[in-house]
Amino acid sequence: MEDHAHALKRISVLKEAYGNEVLLVDENGAEQPFALKAEFSLGSRCYAALQSPSMRKEDEVEMFLIVMGADGTPQLETIEGDEEWEAASEAYDELLFAENV
């Protein structure tokens, strides 16, 4: 979607706070390392594309919403709406395309 390209901007909130890898807790309570593939703002919302070791084989990523906690540290939330998830996913694809041009 080219109409939101002007609002698409790389950010580094998570990278500055956590480095290139983020540990997430899975449904079994185990910590899983996720590589930070990209983080960006799209309009007034911020998103992160993360990749677990098992996702690397298929070159897949999981999209998350970045929100600031009460203490000022960035936190990740699941993207609830399909339209928002699709917009974030398309924006990530645009970032990848722009890097490879």
PDB file of N, CA and C in Angstrom:
ATOM      1  N   MET A   1       0.839  -1.186   0.000  1.00  0.00           N
ATOM      2  CA  MET A   1       0.000   0.000   0.000  1.00  0.00           C
ATOM      3  C   MET A   1       0.877   1.238   0.000  1.00  0.00           C
ATOM      4  N   GLU A   2       0.865   1.913  -1.070  1.00  0.00           N
ATOM      5  CA  GLU A   2       1.716   3.083  -1.195  1.00  0.00           C
ATOM      6  C   GLU A   2       1.168   4.277  -0.419  1.00  0.00           C
ATOM      7  N   ASP A   3      -0.135   4.288  -0.111  1.00  0.00           N
ATOM      8  CA  ASP A   3      -0.717   5.451   0.534  1.00  0.00           C
ATOM      9  C   ASP A   3      -0.181   5.700   1.938  1.00  0.00           C
ATOM     10  N   HIS A   4       0.353   4.683   2.596  1.00  0.00           N
ATOM     11  CA  HIS A   4       0.892   4.904   3.938  1.00  0.00           C
ATOM     12  C   HIS A   4       2.417   4.952   3.945  1.00  0.00           C
ATOM     13  N   ALA A   5       3.042   4.869   2.777  1.00  0.00           N
ATOM     14  CA  ALA A   5       4.501   4.840   2.717  1.00  0.00           C
ATOM     15  C   ALA A   5       5.117   6.104   3.320  1.00  0.00           C
ATOM     16  N   HIS A   6       4.462   7.242   3.138  1.00  0.00           N
ATOM     17  CA  HIS A   6       5.010   8.484   3.689  1.00  0.00           C
ATOM     18  C   HIS A   6       5.011   8.487   5.213  1.00  0.00           C
ATOM     19  N   ALA A   7       4.141   7.688   5.822  1.00  0.00           N
ATOM     20  CA  ALA A   7       4.064   7.638   7.280  1.00  0.00           C
ATOM     21  C   ALA A   7       4.944   6.537   7.862  1.00  0.00           C
ATOM     22  N   LEU A   8       5.540   5.720   7.007  1.00  0.00           N
ATOM     23  CA  LEU A   8       6.368   4.595   7.434  1.00  0.00           C
ATOM     24  C   LEU A   8       7.778   5.083   7.764  1.00  0.00           C
ATOM     25  N   LYS A   9       8.242   4.774   8.978  1.00  0.00           N
ATOM     26  CA  LYS A   9       9.553   5.257   9.412  1.00  0.00           C
ATOM     27  C   LYS A   9      10.212   4.222  10.310  1.00  0.00           C
ATOM     28  N   ARG A  10      11.482   3.941  10.049  1.00  0.00           N
ATOM     29  CA  ARG A  10      12.236   3.028  10.923  1.00  0.00           C
ATOM     30  C   ARG A  10      12.454   3.678  12.281  1.00  0.00           C
ATOM     31  N   ILE A  11      12.395   2.854  13.321  1.00  0.00           N
ATOM     32  CA  ILE A  11      12.685   3.314  14.677  1.00  0.00           C
ATOM     33  C   ILE A  11      13.638   2.308  15.323  1.00  0.00           C
ATOM     34  N   SER A  12      14.120   2.605  16.525  1.00  0.00           N
ATOM     35  CA  SER A  12      15.043   1.678  17.195  1.00  0.00           C
ATOM     36  C   SER A  12      14.782   1.607  18.700  1.00  0.00           C
ATOM     37  N   VAL A  13      13.530   1.727  19.088  1.00  0.00           N
ATOM     38  CA  VAL A  13      13.151   1.722  20.502  1.00  0.00           C
ATOM     39  C   VAL A  13      13.521   0.399  21.172  1.00  0.00           C
ATOM     40  N   LEU A  14      13.137  -0.720  20.561  1.00  0.00           N
ATOM     41  CA  LEU A  14      13.441  -2.032  21.140  1.00  0.00           C
ATOM     42  C   LEU A  14      14.937  -2.321  21.113  1.00  0.00           C
ATOM     43  N   LYS A  15      15.570  -2.000  19.994  1.00  0.00           N
ATOM     44  CA  LYS A  15      17.006  -2.268  19.869  1.00  0.00           C
ATOM     45  C   LYS A  15      17.794  -1.515  20.934  1.00  0.00           C
ATOM     46  N   GLU A  16      17.421  -0.257  21.176  1.00  0.00           N
ATOM     47  CA  GLU A  16      18.110   0.529  22.200  1.00  0.00           C
ATOM     48  C   GLU A  16      17.883  -0.046  23.594  1.00  0.00           C
ATOM     49  N   ALA A  17      16.708  -0.622  23.833  1.00  0.00           N
ATOM     50  CA  ALA A  17      16.388  -1.156  25.158  1.00  0.00           C
ATOM     51  C   ALA A  17      16.900  -2.579  25.364  1.00  0.00           C
ATOM     52  N   TYR A  18      16.835  -3.407  24.313  1.00  0.00           N
ATOM     53  CA  TYR A  18      17.109  -4.838  24.484  1.00  0.00           C
ATOM     54  C   TYR A  18      18.196  -5.408  23.574  1.00  0.00           C
ATOM     55  N   GLY A  19      18.680  -4.652  22.617  1.00  0.00           N
ATOM     56  CA  GLY A  19      19.662  -5.187  21.681  1.00  0.00           C
ATOM     57  C   GLY A  19      18.987  -5.845  20.485  1.00  0.00           C
ATOM     58  N   ASN A  20      19.701  -6.755  19.834  1.00  0.00           N
ATOM     59  CA  ASN A  20      19.203  -7.382  18.607  1.00  0.00           C
ATOM     60  C   ASN A  20      18.315  -8.592  18.849  1.00  0.00           C
ATOM     61  N   GLU A  21      18.147  -8.956  20.116  1.00  0.00           N
ATOM     62  CA  GLU A  21      17.350 -10.139  20.436  1.00  0.00           C
ATOM     63  C   GLU A  21      16.435  -9.841  21.621  1.00  0.00           C
ATOM     64  N   VAL A  22      15.212 -10.356  21.546  1.00  0.00           N
ATOM     65  CA  VAL A  22      14.218 -10.169  22.598  1.00  0.00           C
ATOM     66  C   VAL A  22      13.806 -11.546  23.097  1.00  0.00           C
ATOM     67  N   LEU A  23      13.743 -11.716  24.411  1.00  0.00           N
ATOM     68  CA  LEU A  23      13.264 -12.976  24.982  1.00  0.00           C
ATOM     69  C   LEU A  23      11.777 -12.861  25.265  1.00  0.00           C
ATOM     70  N   LEU A  24      10.999 -13.777  24.691  1.00  0.00           N
ATOM     71  CA  LEU A  24       9.562 -13.822  24.930  1.00  0.00           C
ATOM     72  C   LEU A  24       9.225 -15.117  25.642  1.00  0.00           C
ATOM     73  N   VAL A  25       8.202 -15.091  26.461  1.00  0.00           N
ATOM     74  CA  VAL A  25       7.771 -16.278  27.195  1.00  0.00           C
ATOM     75  C   VAL A  25       6.653 -16.949  26.405  1.00  0.00           C
ATOM     76  N   ASP A  26       6.838 -18.252  26.110  1.00  0.00           N
ATOM     77  CA  ASP A  26       5.823 -18.978  25.346  1.00  0.00           C
ATOM     78  C   ASP A  26       4.698 -19.471  26.246  1.00  0.00           C
ATOM     79  N   GLU A  27       3.737 -20.185  25.652  1.00  0.00           N
ATOM     80  CA  GLU A  27       2.563 -20.646  26.405  1.00  0.00           C
ATOM     81  C   GLU A  27       2.912 -21.642  27.503  1.00  0.00           C
ATOM     82  N   ASN A  28       4.113 -22.240  27.435  1.00  0.00           N
ATOM     83  CA  ASN A  28       4.558 -23.183  28.464  1.00  0.00           C
ATOM     84  C   ASN A  28       5.404 -22.515  29.547  1.00  0.00           C
ATOM     85  N   GLY A  29       5.593 -21.204  29.436  1.00  0.00           N
ATOM     86  CA  GLY A  29       6.371 -20.477  30.424  1.00  0.00           C
ATOM     87  C   GLY A  29       7.868 -20.466  30.158  1.00  0.00           C
ATOM     88  N   ALA A  30       8.278 -21.004  29.014  1.00  0.00           N
ATOM     89  CA  ALA A  30       9.702 -21.040  28.664  1.00  0.00           C
ATOM     90  C   ALA A  30      10.075 -19.797  27.857  1.00  0.00           C
ATOM     91  N   GLU A  31      11.277 -19.280  28.116  1.00  0.00           N
ATOM     92  CA  GLU A  31      11.760 -18.131  27.354  1.00  0.00           C
ATOM     93  C   GLU A  31      12.264 -18.591  25.993  1.00  0.00           C
ATOM     94  N   GLN A  32      11.873 -17.850  24.964  1.00  0.00           N
ATOM     95  CA  GLN A  32      12.302 -18.131  23.598  1.00  0.00           C
ATOM     96  C   GLN A  32      12.972 -16.883  23.033  1.00  0.00           C
ATOM     97  N   PRO A  33      14.168 -17.027  22.444  1.00  0.00           N
ATOM     98  CA  PRO A  33      14.820 -15.864  21.842  1.00  0.00           C
ATOM     99  C   PRO A  33      14.212 -15.543  20.473  1.00  0.00           C
ATOM    100  N   PHE A  34      13.959 -14.284  20.235  1.00  0.00           N
ATOM    101  CA  PHE A  34      13.465 -13.815  18.945  1.00  0.00           C
ATOM    102  C   PHE A  34      14.423 -12.748  18.435  1.00  0.00           C
ATOM    103  N   ALA A  35      14.865 -12.894  17.200  1.00  0.00           N
ATOM    104  CA  ALA A  35      15.709 -11.880  16.574  1.00  0.00           C
ATOM    105  C   ALA A  35      14.836 -10.694  16.183  1.00  0.00           C
ATOM    106  N   LEU A  36      15.325  -9.502  16.422  1.00  0.00           N
ATOM    107  CA  LEU A  36      14.626  -8.284  16.035  1.00  0.00           C
ATOM    108  C   LEU A  36      14.967  -7.998  14.574  1.00  0.00           C
ATOM    109  N   LYS A  37      14.028  -8.288  13.680  1.00  0.00           N
ATOM    110  CA  LYS A  37      14.265  -8.117  12.245  1.00  0.00           C
ATOM    111  C   LYS A  37      14.044  -6.676  11.807  1.00  0.00           C
ATOM    112  N   ALA A  38      13.048  -6.014  12.390  1.00  0.00           N
ATOM    113  CA  ALA A  38      12.763  -4.616  12.045  1.00  0.00           C
ATOM    114  C   ALA A  38      11.816  -4.039  13.081  1.00  0.00           C
ATOM    115  N   GLU A  39      11.888  -2.736  13.235  1.00  0.00           N
ATOM    116  CA  GLU A  39      10.891  -2.020  14.032  1.00  0.00           C
ATOM    117  C   GLU A  39      10.639  -0.695  13.333  1.00  0.00           C
ATOM    118  N   PHE A  40       9.392  -0.294  13.337  1.00  0.00           N
ATOM    119  CA  PHE A  40       9.007   0.875  12.559  1.00  0.00           C
ATOM    120  C   PHE A  40       7.734   1.489  13.119  1.00  0.00           C
ATOM    121  N   SER A  41       7.559   2.768  12.780  1.00  0.00           N
ATOM    122  CA  SER A  41       6.301   3.424  13.110  1.00  0.00           C
ATOM    123  C   SER A  41       5.506   3.549  11.822  1.00  0.00           C
ATOM    124  N   LEU A  42       4.215   3.408  11.963  1.00  0.00           N
ATOM    125  CA  LEU A  42       3.288   3.533  10.846  1.00  0.00           C
ATOM    126  C   LEU A  42       2.158   4.408  11.360  1.00  0.00           C
ATOM    127  N   GLY A  43       2.178   5.667  10.950  1.00  0.00           N
ATOM    128  CA  GLY A  43       1.237   6.609  11.536  1.00  0.00           C
ATOM    129  C   GLY A  43       1.601   6.831  12.992  1.00  0.00           C
ATOM    130  N   SER A  44       0.646   6.669  13.889  1.00  0.00           N
ATOM    131  CA  SER A  44       0.886   6.902  15.317  1.00  0.00           C
ATOM    132  C   SER A  44       1.214   5.624  16.083  1.00  0.00           C
ATOM    133  N   ARG A  45       1.289   4.483  15.398  1.00  0.00           N
ATOM    134  CA  ARG A  45       1.534   3.197  16.057  1.00  0.00           C
ATOM    135  C   ARG A  45       2.929   2.688  15.695  1.00  0.00           C
ATOM    136  N   CYS A  46       3.513   1.900  16.602  1.00  0.00           N
ATOM    137  CA  CYS A  46       4.845   1.338  16.383  1.00  0.00           C
ATOM    138  C   CYS A  46       4.757  -0.183  16.382  1.00  0.00           C
ATOM    139  N   TYR A  47       5.542  -0.807  15.510  1.00  0.00           N
ATOM    140  CA  TYR A  47       5.486  -2.252  15.326  1.00  0.00           C
ATOM    141  C   TYR A  47       6.883  -2.852  15.302  1.00  0.00           C
ATOM    142  N   ALA A  48       6.936  -4.154  15.597  1.00  0.00           N
ATOM    143  CA  ALA A  48       8.192  -4.900  15.532  1.00  0.00           C
ATOM    144  C   ALA A  48       7.952  -6.199  14.785  1.00  0.00           C
ATOM    145  N   ALA A  49       8.924  -6.563  13.954  1.00  0.00           N
ATOM    146  CA  ALA A  49       8.926  -7.860  13.280  1.00  0.00           C
ATOM    147  C   ALA A  49       9.992  -8.701  13.974  1.00  0.00           C
ATOM    148  N   LEU A  50       9.565  -9.791  14.613  1.00  0.00           N
ATOM    149  CA  LEU A  50      10.467 -10.667  15.355  1.00  0.00           C
ATOM    150  C   LEU A  50      10.481 -12.048  14.723  1.00  0.00           C
ATOM    151  N   GLN A  51      11.618 -12.741  14.881  1.00  0.00           N
ATOM    152  CA  GLN A  51      11.770 -14.056  14.266  1.00  0.00           C
ATOM    153  C   GLN A  51      12.433 -15.018  15.243  1.00  0.00           C
ATOM    154  N   SER A  52      11.751 -16.140  15.501  1.00  0.00           N
ATOM    155  CA  SER A  52      12.309 -17.190  16.356  1.00  0.00           C
ATOM    156  C   SER A  52      13.231 -18.066  15.519  1.00  0.00           C
ATOM    157  N   PRO A  53      14.078 -18.872  16.162  1.00  0.00           N
ATOM    158  CA  PRO A  53      14.953 -19.770  15.393  1.00  0.00           C
ATOM    159  C   PRO A  53      14.166 -20.682  14.447  1.00  0.00           C
ATOM    160  N   SER A  54      13.034 -21.203  14.879  1.00  0.00           N
ATOM    161  CA  SER A  54      12.259 -22.087  14.007  1.00  0.00           C
ATOM    162  C   SER A  54      11.632 -21.331  12.839  1.00  0.00           C
ATOM    163  N   MET A  55      11.363 -20.052  13.003  1.00  0.00           N
ATOM    164  CA  MET A  55      10.780 -19.248  11.927  1.00  0.00           C
ATOM    165  C   MET A  55      11.819 -18.897  10.866  1.00  0.00           C
ATOM    166  N   ARG A  56      13.098 -18.913  11.232  1.00  0.00           N
ATOM    167  CA  ARG A  56      14.159 -18.549  10.283  1.00  0.00           C
ATOM    168  C   ARG A  56      14.192 -19.483   9.085  1.00  0.00           C
ATOM    169  N   LYS A  57      13.899 -20.766   9.319  1.00  0.00           N
ATOM    170  CA  LYS A  57      13.939 -21.749   8.233  1.00  0.00           C
ATOM    171  C   LYS A  57      12.995 -21.379   7.102  1.00  0.00           C
ATOM    172  N   GLU A  58      11.835 -20.845   7.445  1.00  0.00           N
ATOM    173  CA  GLU A  58      10.828 -20.464   6.450  1.00  0.00           C
ATOM    174  C   GLU A  58      10.864 -18.968   6.142  1.00  0.00           C
ATOM    175  N   ASP A  59      11.796 -18.249   6.755  1.00  0.00           N
ATOM    176  CA  ASP A  59      11.915 -16.797   6.624  1.00  0.00           C
ATOM    177  C   ASP A  59      10.603 -16.094   6.980  1.00  0.00           C
ATOM    178  N   GLU A  60       9.964 -16.564   8.049  1.00  0.00           N
ATOM    179  CA  GLU A  60       8.729 -15.969   8.543  1.00  0.00           C
ATOM    180  C   GLU A  60       9.036 -15.045   9.714  1.00  0.00           C
ATOM    181  N   VAL A  61       8.144 -14.103   9.961  1.00  0.00           N
ATOM    182  CA  VAL A  61       8.267 -13.216  11.116  1.00  0.00           C
ATOM    183  C   VAL A  61       6.919 -13.128  11.819  1.00  0.00           C
ATOM    184  N   GLU A  62       6.974 -12.736  13.061  1.00  0.00           N
ATOM    185  CA  GLU A  62       5.763 -12.472  13.842  1.00  0.00           C
ATOM    186  C   GLU A  62       5.714 -10.970  14.088  1.00  0.00           C
ATOM    187  N   MET A  63       4.571 -10.366  13.832  1.00  0.00           N
ATOM    188  CA  MET A  63       4.414  -8.928  14.007  1.00  0.00           C
ATOM    189  C   MET A  63       3.828  -8.633  15.389  1.00  0.00           C
ATOM    190  N   PHE A  64       4.376  -7.610  16.041  1.00  0.00           N
ATOM    191  CA  PHE A  64       3.904  -7.182  17.353  1.00  0.00           C
ATOM    192  C   PHE A  64       3.715  -5.673  17.371  1.00  0.00           C
ATOM    193  N   LEU A  65       2.838  -5.226  18.243  1.00  0.00           N
ATOM    194  CA  LEU A  65       2.637  -3.813  18.507  1.00  0.00           C
ATOM    195  C   LEU A  65       3.590  -3.418  19.632  1.00  0.00           C
ATOM    196  N   ILE A  66       4.294  -2.303  19.481  1.00  0.00           N
ATOM    197  CA  ILE A  66       5.182  -1.797  20.532  1.00  0.00           C
ATOM    198  C   ILE A  66       4.423  -0.725  21.306  1.00  0.00           C
ATOM    199  N   VAL A  67       4.346  -0.902  22.612  1.00  0.00           N
ATOM    200  CA  VAL A  67       3.713   0.098  23.483  1.00  0.00           C
ATOM    201  C   VAL A  67       4.703   0.449  24.588  1.00  0.00           C
ATOM    202  N   MET A  68       4.575   1.639  25.112  1.00  0.00           N
ATOM    203  CA  MET A  68       5.455   2.053  26.201  1.00  0.00           C
ATOM    204  C   MET A  68       4.780   1.740  27.529  1.00  0.00           C
ATOM    205  N   GLY A  69       5.517   1.057  28.397  1.00  0.00           N
ATOM    206  CA  GLY A  69       4.997   0.720  29.719  1.00  0.00           C
ATOM    207  C   GLY A  69       4.961   1.943  30.615  1.00  0.00           C
ATOM    208  N   ALA A  70       4.341   1.801  31.763  1.00  0.00           N
ATOM    209  CA  ALA A  70       4.226   2.901  32.722  1.00  0.00           C
ATOM    210  C   ALA A  70       5.596   3.404  33.166  1.00  0.00           C
ATOM    211  N   ASP A  71       6.586   2.499  33.166  1.00  0.00           N
ATOM    212  CA  ASP A  71       7.941   2.881  33.573  1.00  0.00           C
ATOM    213  C   ASP A  71       8.779   3.409  32.411  1.00  0.00           C
ATOM    214  N   GLY A  72       8.160   3.536  31.225  1.00  0.00           N
ATOM    215  CA  GLY A  72       8.860   4.088  30.074  1.00  0.00           C
ATOM    216  C   GLY A  72       9.613   3.073  29.240  1.00  0.00           C
ATOM    217  N   THR A  73       9.546   1.796  29.600  1.00  0.00           N
ATOM    218  CA  THR A  73      10.220   0.776  28.798  1.00  0.00           C
ATOM    219  C   THR A  73       9.270   0.235  27.736  1.00  0.00           C
ATOM    220  N   PRO A  74       9.812  -0.075  26.560  1.00  0.00           N
ATOM    221  CA  PRO A  74       8.958  -0.613  25.502  1.00  0.00           C
ATOM    222  C   PRO A  74       8.516  -2.036  25.819  1.00  0.00           C
ATOM    223  N   GLN A  75       7.269  -2.322  25.489  1.00  0.00           N
ATOM    224  CA  GLN A  75       6.703  -3.650  25.684  1.00  0.00           C
ATOM    225  C   GLN A  75       6.021  -4.083  24.397  1.00  0.00           C
ATOM    226  N   LEU A  76       5.843  -5.382  24.247  1.00  0.00           N
ATOM    227  CA  LEU A  76       5.208  -5.924  23.051  1.00  0.00           C
ATOM    228  C   LEU A  76       3.810  -6.414  23.369  1.00  0.00           C
ATOM    229  N   GLU A  77       2.901  -6.157  22.442  1.00  0.00           N
ATOM    230  CA  GLU A  77       1.538  -6.659  22.554  1.00  0.00           C
ATOM    231  C   GLU A  77       1.161  -7.328  21.242  1.00  0.00           C
ATOM    232  N   THR A  78       0.261  -8.282  21.331  1.00  0.00           N
ATOM    233  CA  THR A  78      -0.255  -8.937  20.139  1.00  0.00           C
ATOM    234  C   THR A  78      -1.120  -7.946  19.368  1.00  0.00           C
ATOM    235  N   ILE A  79      -1.010  -7.973  18.053  1.00  0.00           N
ATOM    236  CA  ILE A  79      -1.868  -7.147  17.207  1.00  0.00           C
ATOM    237  C   ILE A  79      -3.209  -7.865  17.103  1.00  0.00           C
ATOM    238  N   GLU A  80      -4.267  -7.227  17.561  1.00  0.00           N
ATOM    239  CA  GLU A  80      -5.575  -7.875  17.652  1.00  0.00           C
ATOM    240  C   GLU A  80      -6.334  -7.922  16.326  1.00  0.00           C
ATOM    241  N   GLY A  81      -6.371  -6.835  15.591  1.00  0.00           N
ATOM    242  CA  GLY A  81      -7.192  -6.774  14.381  1.00  0.00           C
ATOM    243  C   GLY A  81      -6.471  -7.272  13.139  1.00  0.00           C
ATOM    244  N   ASP A  82      -7.204  -7.970  12.279  1.00  0.00           N
ATOM    245  CA  ASP A  82      -6.631  -8.475  11.030  1.00  0.00           C
ATOM    246  C   ASP A  82      -6.161  -7.351  10.120  1.00  0.00           C
ATOM    247  N   GLU A  83      -6.937  -6.273  10.039  1.00  0.00           N
ATOM    248  CA  GLU A  83      -6.561  -5.160   9.166  1.00  0.00           C
ATOM    249  C   GLU A  83      -5.283  -4.494   9.651  1.00  0.00           C
ATOM    250  N   GLU A  84      -5.161  -4.303  10.958  1.00  0.00           N
ATOM    251  CA  GLU A  84      -3.949  -3.689  11.506  1.00  0.00           C
ATOM    252  C   GLU A  84      -2.751  -4.605  11.283  1.00  0.00           C
ATOM    253  N   TRP A  85      -2.939  -5.920  11.494  1.00  0.00           N
ATOM    254  CA  TRP A  85      -1.851  -6.873  11.282  1.00  0.00           C
ATOM    255  C   TRP A  85      -1.415  -6.843   9.819  1.00  0.00           C
ATOM    256  N   GLU A  86      -2.371  -6.813   8.904  1.00  0.00           N
ATOM    257  CA  GLU A  86      -2.067  -6.784   7.473  1.00  0.00           C
ATOM    258  C   GLU A  86      -1.311  -5.512   7.105  1.00  0.00           C
ATOM    259  N   ALA A  87      -1.725  -4.375   7.639  1.00  0.00           N
ATOM    260  CA  ALA A  87      -1.046  -3.107   7.365  1.00  0.00           C
ATOM    261  C   ALA A  87       0.391  -3.143   7.878  1.00  0.00           C
ATOM    262  N   ALA A  88       0.601  -3.686   9.080  1.00  0.00           N
ATOM    263  CA  ALA A  88       1.954  -3.789   9.641  1.00  0.00           C
ATOM    264  C   ALA A  88       2.803  -4.740   8.813  1.00  0.00           C
ATOM    265  N   SER A  89       2.224  -5.844   8.383  1.00  0.00           N
ATOM    266  CA  SER A  89       2.946  -6.823   7.574  1.00  0.00           C
ATOM    267  C   SER A  89       3.345  -6.233   6.219  1.00  0.00           C
ATOM    268  N   GLU A  90       2.432  -5.502   5.596  1.00  0.00           N
ATOM    269  CA  GLU A  90       2.743  -4.860   4.317  1.00  0.00           C
ATOM    270  C   GLU A  90       3.824  -3.795   4.489  1.00  0.00           C
ATOM    271  N   ALA A  91       3.775  -3.057   5.585  1.00  0.00           N
ATOM    272  CA  ALA A  91       4.797  -2.042   5.846  1.00  0.00           C
ATOM    273  C   ALA A  91       6.168  -2.696   6.021  1.00  0.00           C
ATOM    274  N   TYR A  92       6.207  -3.836   6.712  1.00  0.00           N
ATOM    275  CA  TYR A  92       7.463  -4.575   6.870  1.00  0.00           C
ATOM    276  C   TYR A  92       7.992  -5.000   5.503  1.00  0.00           C
ATOM    277  N   ASP A  93       7.112  -5.511   4.644  1.00  0.00           N
ATOM    278  CA  ASP A  93       7.520  -5.898   3.294  1.00  0.00           C
ATOM    279  C   ASP A  93       8.082  -4.707   2.528  1.00  0.00           C
ATOM    280  N   GLU A  94       7.469  -3.533   2.698  1.00  0.00           N
ATOM    281  CA  GLU A  94       7.966  -2.323   2.037  1.00  0.00           C
ATOM    282  C   GLU A  94       9.367  -1.968   2.520  1.00  0.00           C
ATOM    283  N   LEU A  95       9.613  -2.119   3.817  1.00  0.00           N
ATOM    284  CA  LEU A  95      10.953  -1.844   4.350  1.00  0.00           C
ATOM    285  C   LEU A  95      11.975  -2.786   3.729  1.00  0.00           C
ATOM    286  N   LEU A  96      11.628  -4.063   3.624  1.00  0.00           N
ATOM    287  CA  LEU A  96      12.540  -5.035   3.023  1.00  0.00           C
ATOM    288  C   LEU A  96      12.798  -4.706   1.566  1.00  0.00           C
ATOM    289  N   PHE A  97      11.748  -4.350   0.840  1.00  0.00           N
ATOM    290  CA  PHE A  97      11.885  -4.013  -0.573  1.00  0.00           C
ATOM    291  C   PHE A  97      12.777  -2.788  -0.744  1.00  0.00           C
ATOM    292  N   ALA A  98      12.583  -1.779   0.099  1.00  0.00           N
ATOM    293  CA  ALA A  98      13.378  -0.551   0.017  1.00  0.00           C
ATOM    294  C   ALA A  98      14.857  -0.832   0.270  1.00  0.00           C
ATOM    295  N   GLU A  99      15.154  -1.802   1.160  1.00  0.00           N
ATOM    296  CA  GLU A  99      16.544  -2.147   1.451  1.00  0.00           C
ATOM    297  C   GLU A  99      17.200  -2.887   0.296  1.00  0.00           C
ATOM    298  N   ASN A 100      16.397  -3.607  -0.485  1.00  0.00           N
ATOM    299  CA  ASN A 100      16.934  -4.441  -1.558  1.00  0.00           C
ATOM    300  C   ASN A 100      16.920  -3.762  -2.917  1.00  0.00           C
ATOM    301  N   VAL A 101      16.526  -2.500  -2.972  1.00  0.00           N
ATOM    302  CA  VAL A 101      16.474  -1.790  -4.255  1.00  0.00           C
ATOM    303  C   VAL A 101      17.822  -1.202  -4.565  1.00  0.00           C
TER     304      VAL A 101
END
